[in-house]
Protein backbone atom coordinates (compact mmCIF):
# COMPACT_ATOMS: atom_id res chain seq x y z
CA MET A 1 94.47 145.56 117.38
CA ALA A 2 92.21 145.26 114.33
CA ASP A 3 94.61 142.67 112.83
CA VAL A 4 94.33 140.55 116.00
CA ASP A 5 90.52 140.71 115.85
CA CYS A 6 90.55 139.86 112.15
CA SER A 7 92.86 136.90 112.80
CA LYS A 8 90.69 135.65 115.68
CA SER A 9 87.53 135.93 113.58
CA LEU A 10 89.12 134.11 110.66
CA ASN A 11 90.48 131.38 112.94
CA GLY A 12 87.00 131.03 114.45
CA LEU A 13 85.50 130.76 110.97
CA LEU A 14 87.98 128.04 109.95
CA ASN A 15 87.34 126.13 113.18
CA GLY A 16 83.59 126.44 112.63
CA ILE A 17 83.85 125.16 109.06
CA ALA A 18 86.00 122.24 110.25
CA GLN A 19 83.50 121.42 113.00
CA LYS A 20 80.63 121.34 110.54
CA VAL A 21 82.31 119.67 107.56
CA TYR A 22 84.81 117.30 109.16
CA HIS A 23 83.42 116.62 112.63
CA ASN A 24 79.70 116.55 111.73
CA ASN A 25 78.70 119.18 114.28
CA SER A 26 75.20 120.10 113.08
CA GLU A 27 74.92 122.95 115.62
CA ILE A 28 77.38 125.03 113.59
CA THR A 29 75.57 126.93 110.86
CA GLU A 30 76.64 129.63 108.46
CA GLU A 31 74.22 132.00 110.18
CA LEU A 32 75.71 131.26 113.62
CA LEU A 33 79.24 131.86 112.33
CA LYS A 34 78.22 135.15 110.71
CA ASN A 35 76.43 136.45 113.81
CA GLU A 36 79.22 135.45 116.19
CA LEU A 37 82.27 136.31 114.10
CA TYR A 38 81.34 138.82 111.39
CA PRO A 39 78.18 140.71 112.44
CA GLU A 40 79.37 143.80 110.52
CA LEU A 41 79.42 142.02 107.12
CA SER A 42 76.39 141.77 104.88
CA GLN A 43 74.96 138.30 104.32
CA GLU A 44 76.35 138.25 100.75
CA GLU A 45 79.85 139.31 101.84
CA PHE A 46 79.93 136.73 104.61
CA HIS A 47 78.59 133.98 102.35
CA ALA A 48 81.34 134.72 99.83
CA LEU A 49 84.02 134.62 102.56
CA HIS A 50 82.56 131.44 104.07
CA GLU A 51 82.45 129.62 100.71
CA LYS A 52 85.95 130.78 99.81
CA MET A 53 87.42 129.52 103.12
CA LYS A 54 85.41 126.30 102.94
CA GLY A 55 86.66 125.64 99.39
CA LEU A 56 90.27 126.36 100.31
CA LEU A 57 90.06 124.19 103.39
CA LYS A 58 88.55 121.33 101.37
CA SER A 59 91.36 121.62 98.81
CA ILE A 60 94.00 121.57 101.54
CA ALA A 61 92.37 118.70 103.42
CA SER A 62 91.64 116.51 100.41
CA ALA A 63 95.29 116.78 99.34
CA ASP A 64 96.45 116.29 102.96
CA MET A 65 99.04 118.98 102.26
CA ASP A 66 102.29 118.98 104.17
CA GLN A 67 103.85 122.30 105.17
CA ALA A 68 105.79 122.81 101.91
CA GLN A 69 102.75 122.01 99.76
CA LEU A 70 100.60 124.29 101.89
CA GLU A 71 102.99 127.22 101.57
CA ALA A 72 103.20 126.80 97.78
CA PHE A 73 99.39 126.53 97.55
CA LEU A 74 98.81 129.60 99.72
CA THR A 75 101.43 131.61 97.82
CA ALA A 76 99.66 130.78 94.55
CA GLN A 77 96.31 131.79 96.09
CA THR A 78 97.67 135.17 97.25
CA ARG A 79 99.05 135.90 93.78
CA LYS A 80 95.72 135.29 92.04
CA GLN A 81 94.28 138.20 90.15
CA GLY A 82 90.85 139.60 90.95
CA GLY A 83 88.43 139.09 93.80
CA GLY A 84 89.32 135.46 94.39
CA ALA A 85 92.79 136.29 95.72
CA LEU A 86 93.72 135.42 99.26
CA SER A 87 95.01 138.18 101.54
CA ALA A 88 98.25 137.69 103.45
CA GLU A 89 96.26 137.62 106.72
CA GLN A 90 93.94 134.92 105.36
CA ALA A 91 96.91 132.86 104.16
CA ALA A 92 98.57 133.17 107.58
CA ALA A 93 95.36 132.13 109.34
CA LEU A 94 94.94 129.10 107.03
CA SER A 95 98.55 128.09 107.59
CA LYS A 96 98.26 128.40 111.38
CA PHE A 97 94.94 126.53 111.39
CA TRP A 98 96.25 123.68 109.22
CA LYS A 99 99.38 123.26 111.34
CA SER A 100 97.27 122.74 114.45
CA GLN A 101 94.33 120.81 112.93
CA ARG A 102 95.80 118.68 110.14
CA ALA A 103 95.89 115.45 112.15
CA ARG A 104 92.34 115.83 113.47
CA VAL A 105 90.92 116.66 110.03
CA ARG A 106 92.81 113.74 108.45
CA ASP A 107 91.55 111.34 111.13
CA SER A 108 88.00 112.56 110.57
CA LEU A 109 88.26 112.13 106.80
CA LEU A 110 89.62 108.61 107.26
CA ALA A 111 86.81 107.73 109.66
CA GLN A 112 84.20 109.07 107.22
CA SER A 113 85.66 107.04 104.36
CA ARG A 114 85.57 103.67 106.12
CA TRP A 115 82.93 101.13 105.28
CA GLU A 116 81.10 99.65 108.20
CA PRO A 117 81.22 96.91 109.26
CA ALA A 118 84.91 96.69 108.52
CA LEU A 119 87.13 93.67 108.08
CA ARG A 120 89.32 93.63 111.19
CA GLY A 121 91.10 90.39 110.54
CA LEU A 122 91.35 87.36 108.32
CA SER A 123 92.91 83.97 108.85
CA TRP A 124 92.87 80.91 106.66
CA ARG A 125 94.11 77.39 106.46
CA VAL A 126 93.76 74.35 104.23
CA ASP A 127 92.24 71.28 105.82
CA LEU A 128 92.00 67.81 104.40
CA GLN A 129 88.44 66.52 104.60
CA THR A 130 88.79 62.86 105.55
CA ALA A 131 85.17 61.68 105.63
CA ALA A 132 81.90 62.60 103.98
CA SER A 133 78.67 63.02 105.92
CA ARG A 134 77.73 59.35 105.35
CA GLY A 135 81.07 58.03 106.58
CA ALA A 136 82.57 57.26 103.16
CA PRO A 137 86.31 58.02 103.04
CA VAL A 138 87.17 61.23 101.15
CA SER A 139 90.47 63.02 100.68
CA THR A 140 89.50 66.49 99.49
CA PRO A 141 91.36 69.69 100.47
CA VAL A 142 89.14 72.47 101.82
CA ALA A 143 90.08 76.10 102.41
CA VAL A 144 88.74 77.36 105.73
CA VAL A 145 88.56 81.17 106.00
CA GLU A 146 87.72 82.98 109.22
CA LEU A 147 86.71 86.63 108.92
CA GLU A 148 86.65 89.05 111.85
CA LEU A 149 84.09 91.81 111.20
CA GLY A 150 83.10 94.74 113.35
CA ARG A 151 81.85 98.28 113.67
CA THR A 152 83.84 100.98 115.42
CA GLY A 153 83.32 100.77 119.15
CA GLU A 154 81.62 97.35 119.04
CA GLU A 155 82.84 93.80 119.62
CA SER A 156 83.96 91.77 116.64
CA GLN A 157 81.84 89.10 115.03
CA PHE A 158 83.44 86.07 113.43
CA MET A 159 82.34 84.25 110.30
CA CYS A 160 83.82 80.97 109.11
CA VAL A 161 83.54 79.96 105.44
CA GLU A 162 84.70 76.78 103.70
CA PHE A 163 85.71 76.66 100.03
CA ASP A 164 86.43 73.72 97.80
CA GLU A 165 89.01 74.07 95.02
CA ALA A 166 86.46 75.34 92.46
CA LYS A 167 85.21 78.06 94.81
CA VAL A 168 88.78 79.14 95.67
CA ASN A 169 89.54 79.46 91.94
CA HIS A 170 86.32 81.47 91.44
CA VAL A 171 87.25 83.86 94.29
CA LEU A 172 90.77 84.28 92.90
CA LYS A 173 89.34 85.04 89.45
CA LYS A 174 87.00 87.69 90.90
CA MET A 175 89.86 89.26 92.87
CA ALA A 176 91.96 89.42 89.70
CA GLU A 177 89.08 91.18 87.92
CA ILE A 178 88.82 93.68 90.77
CA GLN A 179 92.57 94.31 90.61
CA GLU A 180 92.38 94.85 86.84
CA SER A 181 89.56 97.38 87.32
CA ILE A 182 91.54 99.25 89.96
CA ASP A 183 94.64 99.23 87.79
CA SER A 184 92.75 100.59 84.79
CA ILE A 185 91.35 103.45 86.91
CA VAL A 186 94.71 104.26 88.48
CA HIS A 187 96.62 104.16 85.19
CA HIS A 188 94.03 106.25 83.35
CA GLY A 189 93.72 108.82 86.18
């Protein structure tokens, strides 16, 4: 019976940590979790357990571990020497929790990493400008770009921008510079 209680308390702790860290539930505090789940532990013992589980959960979530990766990770954690080792019960609770909550935690992390407003759509075309504002005939190609921008849960806003050839070349140059920067980070990482 004690194993069932231990498992329930640990599952509650993991759910509480996930609520606070990944779902921004400010009502969940370390003190609340201690009082509800581990009243028999000292504040120091609970804080150590809380930080350990929070750190493990962050490692698992940031790597978006699949089941095989999770099992290898948890096995390595149980084989650690010293006080930082994970017990078999803790490993089982983490595995069970991650199986049931992986998708929700991943969705939350993705939502937290999005910039707002976000680009929802982009369309473009090349038009041929046939007359200037004073009626003089002109035959200049113009790139017309329509951007659809929006925040989650709100209607989109549309912005239309025109570029002449020089501005298109400038944008392409800047995009190439951005790509080079990304490539240098990725290849050095």
